[in-house]
Amino acid sequence: MHQRTADARERFLEKVATAAREAAGDEFDLDLAAYVRQYYRNTALDDLRERAPGDLAGAALAHLRLGWQRAPGEPNIQVCNPAPETHGWQSPNPIVQSVTDNML
């Protein structure tokens, strides 16, 4: 990745992290900026830019909440059509999120 692209990616993900911190408040005791960077580590910058930072933050936080609610050894799956009024974020497509034990 070129340095210019890496810098642009970091600036964009900082906007997502800011939106995540604003949405979560003090709900999570963790570094949300680091979480957002890790969550979207394999997503191309062009794909990230297709969505609003608040919606990307909402997706990452929804997945984090799903993981925090999961009992060890039990998969947790969520399917929804997120809408701002009910979920605080939106997507043009249905979302499927899952959290399971590491199978490696």
PDB file of N, CA and C in Angstrom:
ATOM      1  N   MET A   1       0.855  -1.172   0.000  1.00  0.00           N
ATOM      2  CA  MET A   1       0.000   0.000   0.000  1.00  0.00           C
ATOM      3  C   MET A   1       0.900   1.235   0.000  1.00  0.00           C
ATOM      4  N   HIS A   2       0.599   2.166  -0.855  1.00  0.00           N
ATOM      5  CA  HIS A   2       1.357   3.409  -0.906  1.00  0.00           C
ATOM      6  C   HIS A   2       1.150   4.207   0.377  1.00  0.00           C
ATOM      7  N   GLN A   3       2.136   5.011   0.732  1.00  0.00           N
ATOM      8  CA  GLN A   3       2.047   5.802   1.966  1.00  0.00           C
ATOM      9  C   GLN A   3       0.854   6.750   1.933  1.00  0.00           C
ATOM     10  N   ARG A   4       0.581   7.360   0.778  1.00  0.00           N
ATOM     11  CA  ARG A   4      -0.544   8.290   0.665  1.00  0.00           C
ATOM     12  C   ARG A   4      -1.866   7.564   0.944  1.00  0.00           C
ATOM     13  N   THR A   5      -2.000   6.361   0.400  1.00  0.00           N
ATOM     14  CA  THR A   5      -3.211   5.562   0.635  1.00  0.00           C
ATOM     15  C   THR A   5      -3.296   5.154   2.102  1.00  0.00           C
ATOM     16  N   ALA A   6      -2.180   4.746   2.678  1.00  0.00           N
ATOM     17  CA  ALA A   6      -2.166   4.352   4.091  1.00  0.00           C
ATOM     18  C   ALA A   6      -2.559   5.534   4.981  1.00  0.00           C
ATOM     19  N   ASP A   7      -2.061   6.722   4.662  1.00  0.00           N
ATOM     20  CA  ASP A   7      -2.408   7.909   5.443  1.00  0.00           C
ATOM     21  C   ASP A   7      -3.890   8.249   5.299  1.00  0.00           C
ATOM     22  N   ALA A   8      -4.412   8.156   4.082  1.00  0.00           N
ATOM     23  CA  ALA A   8      -5.833   8.438   3.848  1.00  0.00           C
ATOM     24  C   ALA A   8      -6.699   7.426   4.580  1.00  0.00           C
ATOM     25  N   ARG A   9      -6.274   6.174   4.573  1.00  0.00           N
ATOM     26  CA  ARG A   9      -7.012   5.124   5.282  1.00  0.00           C
ATOM     27  C   ARG A   9      -7.036   5.418   6.776  1.00  0.00           C
ATOM     28  N   GLU A  10      -5.882   5.785   7.332  1.00  0.00           N
ATOM     29  CA  GLU A  10      -5.799   6.084   8.764  1.00  0.00           C
ATOM     30  C   GLU A  10      -6.687   7.281   9.124  1.00  0.00           C
ATOM     31  N   ARG A  11      -6.681   8.304   8.299  1.00  0.00           N
ATOM     32  CA  ARG A  11      -7.536   9.480   8.560  1.00  0.00           C
ATOM     33  C   ARG A  11      -9.012   9.094   8.508  1.00  0.00           C
ATOM     34  N   PHE A  12      -9.392   8.266   7.543  1.00  0.00           N
ATOM     35  CA  PHE A  12     -10.788   7.852   7.439  1.00  0.00           C
ATOM     36  C   PHE A  12     -11.184   6.992   8.636  1.00  0.00           C
ATOM     37  N   LEU A  13     -10.324   6.050   9.006  1.00  0.00           N
ATOM     38  CA  LEU A  13     -10.644   5.192  10.153  1.00  0.00           C
ATOM     39  C   LEU A  13     -10.684   5.974  11.456  1.00  0.00           C
ATOM     40  N   GLU A  14      -9.961   7.071  11.547  1.00  0.00           N
ATOM     41  CA  GLU A  14     -10.065   7.918  12.737  1.00  0.00           C
ATOM     42  C   GLU A  14     -11.459   8.544  12.811  1.00  0.00           C
ATOM     43  N   LYS A  15     -12.036   8.890  11.667  1.00  0.00           N
ATOM     44  CA  LYS A  15     -13.418   9.396  11.652  1.00  0.00           C
ATOM     45  C   LYS A  15     -14.388   8.316  12.120  1.00  0.00           C
ATOM     46  N   VAL A  16     -14.151   7.086  11.690  1.00  0.00           N
ATOM     47  CA  VAL A  16     -14.991   5.968  12.131  1.00  0.00           C
ATOM     48  C   VAL A  16     -14.826   5.764  13.639  1.00  0.00           C
ATOM     49  N   ALA A  17     -13.597   5.822  14.120  1.00  0.00           N
ATOM     50  CA  ALA A  17     -13.334   5.652  15.555  1.00  0.00           C
ATOM     51  C   ALA A  17     -13.991   6.752  16.371  1.00  0.00           C
ATOM     52  N   THR A  18     -13.948   7.973  15.880  1.00  0.00           N
ATOM     53  CA  THR A  18     -14.604   9.088  16.571  1.00  0.00           C
ATOM     54  C   THR A  18     -16.109   8.836  16.653  1.00  0.00           C
ATOM     55  N   ALA A  19     -16.698   8.393  15.553  1.00  0.00           N
ATOM     56  CA  ALA A  19     -18.130   8.081  15.551  1.00  0.00           C
ATOM     57  C   ALA A  19     -18.434   6.942  16.516  1.00  0.00           C
ATOM     58  N   ALA A  20     -17.556   5.948  16.588  1.00  0.00           N
ATOM     59  CA  ALA A  20     -17.756   4.822  17.510  1.00  0.00           C
ATOM     60  C   ALA A  20     -17.691   5.290  18.959  1.00  0.00           C
ATOM     61  N   ARG A  21     -16.713   6.147  19.275  1.00  0.00           N
ATOM     62  CA  ARG A  21     -16.601   6.664  20.648  1.00  0.00           C
ATOM     63  C   ARG A  21     -17.838   7.473  21.024  1.00  0.00           C
ATOM     64  N   GLU A  22     -18.329   8.283  20.098  1.00  0.00           N
ATOM     65  CA  GLU A  22     -19.526   9.084  20.363  1.00  0.00           C
ATOM     66  C   GLU A  22     -20.750   8.196  20.563  1.00  0.00           C
ATOM     67  N   ALA A  23     -20.891   7.163  19.750  1.00  0.00           N
ATOM     68  CA  ALA A  23     -22.052   6.273  19.849  1.00  0.00           C
ATOM     69  C   ALA A  23     -22.000   5.392  21.093  1.00  0.00           C
ATOM     70  N   ALA A  24     -20.805   4.929  21.452  1.00  0.00           N
ATOM     71  CA  ALA A  24     -20.681   3.986  22.573  1.00  0.00           C
ATOM     72  C   ALA A  24     -20.565   4.673  23.919  1.00  0.00           C
ATOM     73  N   GLY A  25     -20.101   5.911  23.930  1.00  0.00           N
ATOM     74  CA  GLY A  25     -19.887   6.569  25.210  1.00  0.00           C
ATOM     75  C   GLY A  25     -18.909   5.766  26.044  1.00  0.00           C
ATOM     76  N   ASP A  26     -19.288   5.437  27.271  1.00  0.00           N
ATOM     77  CA  ASP A  26     -18.406   4.636  28.128  1.00  0.00           C
ATOM     78  C   ASP A  26     -18.904   3.196  28.265  1.00  0.00           C
ATOM     79  N   GLU A  27     -19.635   2.724  27.246  1.00  0.00           N
ATOM     80  CA  GLU A  27     -20.177   1.364  27.263  1.00  0.00           C
ATOM     81  C   GLU A  27     -19.066   0.297  27.305  1.00  0.00           C
ATOM     82  N   PHE A  28     -17.966   0.554  26.626  1.00  0.00           N
ATOM     83  CA  PHE A  28     -16.879  -0.423  26.543  1.00  0.00           C
ATOM     84  C   PHE A  28     -15.613   0.164  27.148  1.00  0.00           C
ATOM     85  N   ASP A  29     -14.920  -0.647  27.898  1.00  0.00           N
ATOM     86  CA  ASP A  29     -13.649  -0.237  28.482  1.00  0.00           C
ATOM     87  C   ASP A  29     -12.519  -0.790  27.617  1.00  0.00           C
ATOM     88  N   LEU A  30     -12.378  -0.200  26.416  1.00  0.00           N
ATOM     89  CA  LEU A  30     -11.320  -0.609  25.511  1.00  0.00           C
ATOM     90  C   LEU A  30     -11.018   0.520  24.534  1.00  0.00           C
ATOM     91  N   ASP A  31      -9.923   0.392  23.852  1.00  0.00           N
ATOM     92  CA  ASP A  31      -9.480   1.391  22.882  1.00  0.00           C
ATOM     93  C   ASP A  31     -10.279   1.189  21.594  1.00  0.00           C
ATOM     94  N   LEU A  32     -11.345   1.969  21.413  1.00  0.00           N
ATOM     95  CA  LEU A  32     -12.202   1.795  20.245  1.00  0.00           C
ATOM     96  C   LEU A  32     -11.487   2.132  18.940  1.00  0.00           C
ATOM     97  N   ALA A  33     -10.531   3.043  18.963  1.00  0.00           N
ATOM     98  CA  ALA A  33      -9.782   3.349  17.739  1.00  0.00           C
ATOM     99  C   ALA A  33      -8.992   2.114  17.291  1.00  0.00           C
ATOM    100  N   ALA A  34      -8.348   1.445  18.224  1.00  0.00           N
ATOM    101  CA  ALA A  34      -7.605   0.222  17.890  1.00  0.00           C
ATOM    102  C   ALA A  34      -8.559  -0.868  17.408  1.00  0.00           C
ATOM    103  N   TYR A  35      -9.711  -0.985  18.068  1.00  0.00           N
ATOM    104  CA  TYR A  35     -10.705  -1.979  17.656  1.00  0.00           C
ATOM    105  C   TYR A  35     -11.183  -1.716  16.230  1.00  0.00           C
ATOM    106  N   VAL A  36     -11.507  -0.472  15.912  1.00  0.00           N
ATOM    107  CA  VAL A  36     -11.982  -0.121  14.572  1.00  0.00           C
ATOM    108  C   VAL A  36     -10.905  -0.422  13.525  1.00  0.00           C
ATOM    109  N   ARG A  37      -9.667  -0.054  13.808  1.00  0.00           N
ATOM    110  CA  ARG A  37      -8.579  -0.342  12.862  1.00  0.00           C
ATOM    111  C   ARG A  37      -8.450  -1.845  12.634  1.00  0.00           C
ATOM    112  N   GLN A  38      -8.530  -2.627  13.686  1.00  0.00           N
ATOM    113  CA  GLN A  38      -8.424  -4.080  13.565  1.00  0.00           C
ATOM    114  C   GLN A  38      -9.652  -4.648  12.849  1.00  0.00           C
ATOM    115  N   TYR A  39     -10.826  -4.167  13.180  1.00  0.00           N
ATOM    116  CA  TYR A  39     -12.068  -4.675  12.589  1.00  0.00           C
ATOM    117  C   TYR A  39     -12.070  -4.488  11.068  1.00  0.00           C
ATOM    118  N   TYR A  40     -11.594  -3.351  10.614  1.00  0.00           N
ATOM    119  CA  TYR A  40     -11.607  -3.044   9.176  1.00  0.00           C
ATOM    120  C   TYR A  40     -10.239  -3.222   8.517  1.00  0.00           C
ATOM    121  N   ARG A  41      -9.341  -3.976   9.127  1.00  0.00           N
ATOM    122  CA  ARG A  41      -7.964  -4.101   8.632  1.00  0.00           C
ATOM    123  C   ARG A  41      -7.872  -4.658   7.213  1.00  0.00           C
ATOM    124  N   ASN A  42      -8.797  -5.488   6.789  1.00  0.00           N
ATOM    125  CA  ASN A  42      -8.736  -6.090   5.458  1.00  0.00           C
ATOM    126  C   ASN A  42      -9.736  -5.483   4.481  1.00  0.00           C
ATOM    127  N   THR A  43     -10.332  -4.362   4.840  1.00  0.00           N
ATOM    128  CA  THR A  43     -11.306  -3.703   3.971  1.00  0.00           C
ATOM    129  C   THR A  43     -10.620  -2.601   3.189  1.00  0.00           C
ATOM    130  N   ALA A  44     -10.794  -2.633   1.881  1.00  0.00           N
ATOM    131  CA  ALA A  44     -10.157  -1.635   1.019  1.00  0.00           C
ATOM    132  C   ALA A  44     -10.698  -0.240   1.318  1.00  0.00           C
ATOM    133  N   LEU A  45      -9.835   0.753   1.194  1.00  0.00           N
ATOM    134  CA  LEU A  45     -10.227   2.136   1.453  1.00  0.00           C
ATOM    135  C   LEU A  45     -11.407   2.544   0.577  1.00  0.00           C
ATOM    136  N   ASP A  46     -11.404   2.171  -0.690  1.00  0.00           N
ATOM    137  CA  ASP A  46     -12.525   2.511  -1.571  1.00  0.00           C
ATOM    138  C   ASP A  46     -13.833   1.923  -1.052  1.00  0.00           C
ATOM    139  N   ASP A  47     -13.787   0.713  -0.508  1.00  0.00           N
ATOM    140  CA  ASP A  47     -14.999   0.101   0.056  1.00  0.00           C
ATOM    141  C   ASP A  47     -15.433   0.828   1.320  1.00  0.00           C
ATOM    142  N   LEU A  48     -14.487   1.222   2.144  1.00  0.00           N
ATOM    143  CA  LEU A  48     -14.828   1.971   3.354  1.00  0.00           C
ATOM    144  C   LEU A  48     -15.498   3.292   3.003  1.00  0.00           C
ATOM    145  N   ARG A  49     -14.962   3.969   2.020  1.00  0.00           N
ATOM    146  CA  ARG A  49     -15.484   5.289   1.643  1.00  0.00           C
ATOM    147  C   ARG A  49     -16.894   5.236   1.062  1.00  0.00           C
ATOM    148  N   GLU A  50     -17.376   4.056   0.707  1.00  0.00           N
ATOM    149  CA  GLU A  50     -18.742   3.917   0.194  1.00  0.00           C
ATOM    150  C   GLU A  50     -19.781   4.072   1.303  1.00  0.00           C
ATOM    151  N   ARG A  51     -19.356   4.031   2.541  1.00  0.00           N
ATOM    152  CA  ARG A  51     -20.257   4.121   3.690  1.00  0.00           C
ATOM    153  C   ARG A  51     -19.884   5.322   4.550  1.00  0.00           C
ATOM    154  N   ALA A  52     -20.857   5.820   5.270  1.00  0.00           N
ATOM    155  CA  ALA A  52     -20.623   6.923   6.198  1.00  0.00           C
ATOM    156  C   ALA A  52     -19.869   6.389   7.421  1.00  0.00           C
ATOM    157  N   PRO A  53     -18.958   7.193   7.983  1.00  0.00           N
ATOM    158  CA  PRO A  53     -18.234   6.745   9.178  1.00  0.00           C
ATOM    159  C   PRO A  53     -19.169   6.276  10.297  1.00  0.00           C
ATOM    160  N   GLY A  54     -20.293   6.943  10.493  1.00  0.00           N
ATOM    161  CA  GLY A  54     -21.231   6.536  11.537  1.00  0.00           C
ATOM    162  C   GLY A  54     -21.830   5.165  11.300  1.00  0.00           C
ATOM    163  N   ASP A  55     -22.067   4.835  10.041  1.00  0.00           N
ATOM    164  CA  ASP A  55     -22.607   3.512   9.725  1.00  0.00           C
ATOM    165  C   ASP A  55     -21.558   2.425   9.909  1.00  0.00           C
ATOM    166  N   LEU A  56     -20.312   2.718   9.532  1.00  0.00           N
ATOM    167  CA  LEU A  56     -19.227   1.757   9.771  1.00  0.00           C
ATOM    168  C   LEU A  56     -19.003   1.564  11.265  1.00  0.00           C
ATOM    169  N   ALA A  57     -19.067   2.649  12.020  1.00  0.00           N
ATOM    170  CA  ALA A  57     -18.931   2.556  13.477  1.00  0.00           C
ATOM    171  C   ALA A  57     -20.067   1.718  14.053  1.00  0.00           C
ATOM    172  N   GLY A  58     -21.283   1.948  13.582  1.00  0.00           N
ATOM    173  CA  GLY A  58     -22.435   1.190  14.061  1.00  0.00           C
ATOM    174  C   GLY A  58     -22.304  -0.297  13.802  1.00  0.00           C
ATOM    175  N   ALA A  59     -21.822  -0.661  12.620  1.00  0.00           N
ATOM    176  CA  ALA A  59     -21.634  -2.078  12.294  1.00  0.00           C
ATOM    177  C   ALA A  59     -20.593  -2.712  13.211  1.00  0.00           C
ATOM    178  N   ALA A  60     -19.471  -2.019  13.401  1.00  0.00           N
ATOM    179  CA  ALA A  60     -18.411  -2.548  14.264  1.00  0.00           C
ATOM    180  C   ALA A  60     -18.886  -2.672  15.710  1.00  0.00           C
ATOM    181  N   LEU A  61     -19.624  -1.680  16.191  1.00  0.00           N
ATOM    182  CA  LEU A  61     -20.128  -1.730  17.572  1.00  0.00           C
ATOM    183  C   LEU A  61     -21.177  -2.817  17.748  1.00  0.00           C
ATOM    184  N   ALA A  62     -22.037  -3.001  16.751  1.00  0.00           N
ATOM    185  CA  ALA A  62     -23.057  -4.062  16.829  1.00  0.00           C
ATOM    186  C   ALA A  62     -22.379  -5.428  16.937  1.00  0.00           C
ATOM    187  N   HIS A  63     -21.315  -5.616  16.181  1.00  0.00           N
ATOM    188  CA  HIS A  63     -20.589  -6.886  16.223  1.00  0.00           C
ATOM    189  C   HIS A  63     -19.884  -7.057  17.569  1.00  0.00           C
ATOM    190  N   LEU A  64     -19.325  -5.980  18.093  1.00  0.00           N
ATOM    191  CA  LEU A  64     -18.685  -6.026  19.407  1.00  0.00           C
ATOM    192  C   LEU A  64     -19.704  -6.383  20.490  1.00  0.00           C
ATOM    193  N   ARG A  65     -20.862  -5.758  20.447  1.00  0.00           N
ATOM    194  CA  ARG A  65     -21.924  -6.072  21.427  1.00  0.00           C
ATOM    195  C   ARG A  65     -22.329  -7.541  21.338  1.00  0.00           C
ATOM    196  N   LEU A  66     -22.438  -8.039  20.117  1.00  0.00           N
ATOM    197  CA  LEU A  66     -22.805  -9.438  19.912  1.00  0.00           C
ATOM    198  C   LEU A  66     -21.772 -10.355  20.561  1.00  0.00           C
ATOM    199  N   GLY A  67     -20.509 -10.016  20.407  1.00  0.00           N
ATOM    200  CA  GLY A  67     -19.457 -10.814  21.029  1.00  0.00           C
ATOM    201  C   GLY A  67     -19.472 -10.735  22.546  1.00  0.00           C
ATOM    202  N   TRP A  68     -19.770  -9.574  23.087  1.00  0.00           N
ATOM    203  CA  TRP A  68     -19.786  -9.405  24.542  1.00  0.00           C
ATOM    204  C   TRP A  68     -20.948 -10.149  25.167  1.00  0.00           C
ATOM    205  N   GLN A  69     -21.999 -10.399  24.395  1.00  0.00           N
ATOM    206  CA  GLN A  69     -23.179 -11.106  24.911  1.00  0.00           C
ATOM    207  C   GLN A  69     -23.044 -12.621  24.783  1.00  0.00           C
ATOM    208  N   ARG A  70     -22.024 -13.091  24.119  1.00  0.00           N
ATOM    209  CA  ARG A  70     -21.890 -14.516  23.813  1.00  0.00           C
ATOM    210  C   ARG A  70     -21.301 -15.290  24.977  1.00  0.00           C
ATOM    211  N   ALA A  71     -21.918 -16.405  25.263  1.00  0.00           N
ATOM    212  CA  ALA A  71     -21.380 -17.320  26.274  1.00  0.00           C
ATOM    213  C   ALA A  71     -20.285 -18.166  25.622  1.00  0.00           C
ATOM    214  N   PRO A  72     -19.199 -18.442  26.338  1.00  0.00           N
ATOM    215  CA  PRO A  72     -18.137 -19.281  25.776  1.00  0.00           C
ATOM    216  C   PRO A  72     -18.689 -20.622  25.284  1.00  0.00           C
ATOM    217  N   GLY A  73     -18.233 -21.024  24.103  1.00  0.00           N
ATOM    218  CA  GLY A  73     -18.669 -22.303  23.541  1.00  0.00           C
ATOM    219  C   GLY A  73     -19.973 -22.234  22.772  1.00  0.00           C
ATOM    220  N   GLU A  74     -20.645 -21.098  22.825  1.00  0.00           N
ATOM    221  CA  GLU A  74     -21.931 -20.939  22.139  1.00  0.00           C
ATOM    222  C   GLU A  74     -21.799 -19.915  21.017  1.00  0.00           C
ATOM    223  N   PRO A  75     -22.207 -20.271  19.795  1.00  0.00           N
ATOM    224  CA  PRO A  75     -22.188 -19.266  18.729  1.00  0.00           C
ATOM    225  C   PRO A  75     -23.286 -18.231  18.964  1.00  0.00           C
ATOM    226  N   ASN A  76     -23.059 -17.038  18.503  1.00  0.00           N
ATOM    227  CA  ASN A  76     -24.057 -15.978  18.598  1.00  0.00           C
ATOM    228  C   ASN A  76     -24.193 -15.379  17.199  1.00  0.00           C
ATOM    229  N   ILE A  77     -25.396 -15.367  16.670  1.00  0.00           N
ATOM    230  CA  ILE A  77     -25.653 -14.898  15.315  1.00  0.00           C
ATOM    231  C   ILE A  77     -26.754 -13.858  15.353  1.00  0.00           C
ATOM    232  N   GLN A  78     -26.561 -12.816  14.569  1.00  0.00           N
ATOM    233  CA  GLN A  78     -27.559 -11.739  14.477  1.00  0.00           C
ATOM    234  C   GLN A  78     -27.806 -11.426  13.001  1.00  0.00           C
ATOM    235  N   VAL A  79     -29.072 -11.335  12.626  1.00  0.00           N
ATOM    236  CA  VAL A  79     -29.464 -10.932  11.278  1.00  0.00           C
ATOM    237  C   VAL A  79     -30.408  -9.753  11.439  1.00  0.00           C
ATOM    238  N   CYS A  80     -30.133  -8.658  10.730  1.00  0.00           N
ATOM    239  CA  CYS A  80     -31.011  -7.499  10.850  1.00  0.00           C
ATOM    240  C   CYS A  80     -30.921  -6.623   9.614  1.00  0.00           C
ATOM    241  N   ASN A  81     -31.883  -5.755   9.482  1.00  0.00           N
ATOM    242  CA  ASN A  81     -31.875  -4.674   8.506  1.00  0.00           C
ATOM    243  C   ASN A  81     -31.718  -3.399   9.328  1.00  0.00           C
ATOM    244  N   PRO A  82     -30.489  -2.982   9.618  1.00  0.00           N
ATOM    245  CA  PRO A  82     -30.289  -1.856  10.530  1.00  0.00           C
ATOM    246  C   PRO A  82     -30.879  -0.555   9.995  1.00  0.00           C
ATOM    247  N   ALA A  83     -31.538   0.145  10.889  1.00  0.00           N
ATOM    248  CA  ALA A  83     -32.141   1.437  10.566  1.00  0.00           C
ATOM    249  C   ALA A  83     -31.746   2.432  11.651  1.00  0.00           C
ATOM    250  N   PRO A  84     -31.506   3.692  11.282  1.00  0.00           N
ATOM    251  CA  PRO A  84     -31.051   4.688  12.262  1.00  0.00           C
ATOM    252  C   PRO A  84     -31.969   4.813  13.476  1.00  0.00           C
ATOM    253  N   GLU A  85     -33.275   4.722  13.265  1.00  0.00           N
ATOM    254  CA  GLU A  85     -34.213   4.906  14.390  1.00  0.00           C
ATOM    255  C   GLU A  85     -34.096   3.823  15.445  1.00  0.00           C
ATOM    256  N   THR A  86     -33.780   2.597  15.024  1.00  0.00           N
ATOM    257  CA  THR A  86     -33.751   1.488  15.969  1.00  0.00           C
ATOM    258  C   THR A  86     -32.349   0.993  16.298  1.00  0.00           C
ATOM    259  N   HIS A  87     -31.428   1.089  15.353  1.00  0.00           N
ATOM    260  CA  HIS A  87     -30.086   0.551  15.550  1.00  0.00           C
ATOM    261  C   HIS A  87     -29.001   1.625  15.645  1.00  0.00           C
ATOM    262  N   GLY A  88     -29.320   2.846  15.247  1.00  0.00           N
ATOM    263  CA  GLY A  88     -28.340   3.924  15.289  1.00  0.00           C
ATOM    264  C   GLY A  88     -27.423   3.969  14.087  1.00  0.00           C
ATOM    265  N   TRP A  89     -27.639   3.079  13.122  1.00  0.00           N
ATOM    266  CA  TRP A  89     -26.861   3.052  11.891  1.00  0.00           C
ATOM    267  C   TRP A  89     -27.711   2.399  10.815  1.00  0.00           C
ATOM    268  N   GLN A  90     -27.230   2.454   9.584  1.00  0.00           N
ATOM    269  CA  GLN A  90     -28.021   1.892   8.498  1.00  0.00           C
ATOM    270  C   GLN A  90     -27.145   1.196   7.471  1.00  0.00           C
ATOM    271  N   SER A  91     -27.793   0.328   6.716  1.00  0.00           N
ATOM    272  CA  SER A  91     -27.146  -0.371   5.613  1.00  0.00           C
ATOM    273  C   SER A  91     -28.191  -0.595   4.534  1.00  0.00           C
ATOM    274  N   PRO A  92     -27.799  -0.519   3.269  1.00  0.00           N
ATOM    275  CA  PRO A  92     -28.758  -0.786   2.203  1.00  0.00           C
ATOM    276  C   PRO A  92     -29.072  -2.280   2.072  1.00  0.00           C
ATOM    277  N   ASN A  93     -28.307  -3.118   2.766  1.00  0.00           N
ATOM    278  CA  ASN A  93     -28.475  -4.572   2.676  1.00  0.00           C
ATOM    279  C   ASN A  93     -28.693  -5.167   4.061  1.00  0.00           C
ATOM    280  N   PRO A  94     -29.352  -6.328   4.115  1.00  0.00           N
ATOM    281  CA  PRO A  94     -29.438  -7.036   5.402  1.00  0.00           C
ATOM    282  C   PRO A  94     -28.030  -7.393   5.880  1.00  0.00           C
ATOM    283  N   ILE A  95     -27.843  -7.415   7.182  1.00  0.00           N
ATOM    284  CA  ILE A  95     -26.549  -7.688   7.805  1.00  0.00           C
ATOM    285  C   ILE A  95     -26.622  -8.993   8.574  1.00  0.00           C
ATOM    286  N   VAL A  96     -25.621  -9.840   8.377  1.00  0.00           N
ATOM    287  CA  VAL A  96     -25.477 -11.066   9.148  1.00  0.00           C
ATOM    288  C   VAL A  96     -24.149 -10.980   9.887  1.00  0.00           C
ATOM    289  N   GLN A  97     -24.204 -11.067  11.201  1.00  0.00           N
ATOM    290  CA  GLN A  97     -22.997 -11.027  12.012  1.00  0.00           C
ATOM    291  C   GLN A  97     -22.979 -12.285  12.881  1.00  0.00           C
ATOM    292  N   SER A  98     -21.792 -12.870  13.039  1.00  0.00           N
ATOM    293  CA  SER A  98     -21.670 -14.044  13.890  1.00  0.00           C
ATOM    294  C   SER A  98     -20.388 -13.944  14.712  1.00  0.00           C
ATOM    295  N   VAL A  99     -20.447 -14.561  15.880  1.00  0.00           N
ATOM    296  CA  VAL A  99     -19.282 -14.659  16.759  1.00  0.00           C
ATOM    297  C   VAL A  99     -19.246 -16.096  17.258  1.00  0.00           C
ATOM    298  N   THR A 100     -18.112 -16.765  17.048  1.00  0.00           N
ATOM    299  CA  THR A 100     -17.935 -18.146  17.476  1.00  0.00           C
ATOM    300  C   THR A 100     -16.556 -18.301  18.107  1.00  0.00           C
ATOM    301  N   ASP A 101     -16.337 -19.448  18.694  1.00  0.00           N
ATOM    302  CA  ASP A 101     -15.007 -19.757  19.198  1.00  0.00           C
ATOM    303  C   ASP A 101     -14.051 -19.904  18.017  1.00  0.00           C
ATOM    304  N   ASN A 102     -12.793 -19.626  18.257  1.00  0.00           N
ATOM    305  CA  ASN A 102     -11.764 -19.824  17.241  1.00  0.00           C
ATOM    306  C   ASN A 102     -11.654 -21.308  16.972  1.00  0.00           C
ATOM    307  N   MET A 103     -11.787 -21.702  15.723  1.00  0.00           N
ATOM    308  CA  MET A 103     -11.784 -23.122  15.378  1.00  0.00           C
ATOM    309  C   MET A 103     -10.405 -23.629  14.951  1.00  0.00           C
ATOM    310  N   LEU A 104      -9.371 -22.795  15.061  1.00  0.00           N
ATOM    311  CA  LEU A 104      -8.022 -23.225  14.669  1.00  0.00           C
ATOM    312  C   LEU A 104      -7.391 -24.097  15.706  1.00  0.00           C
TER     313      LEU A 104
END
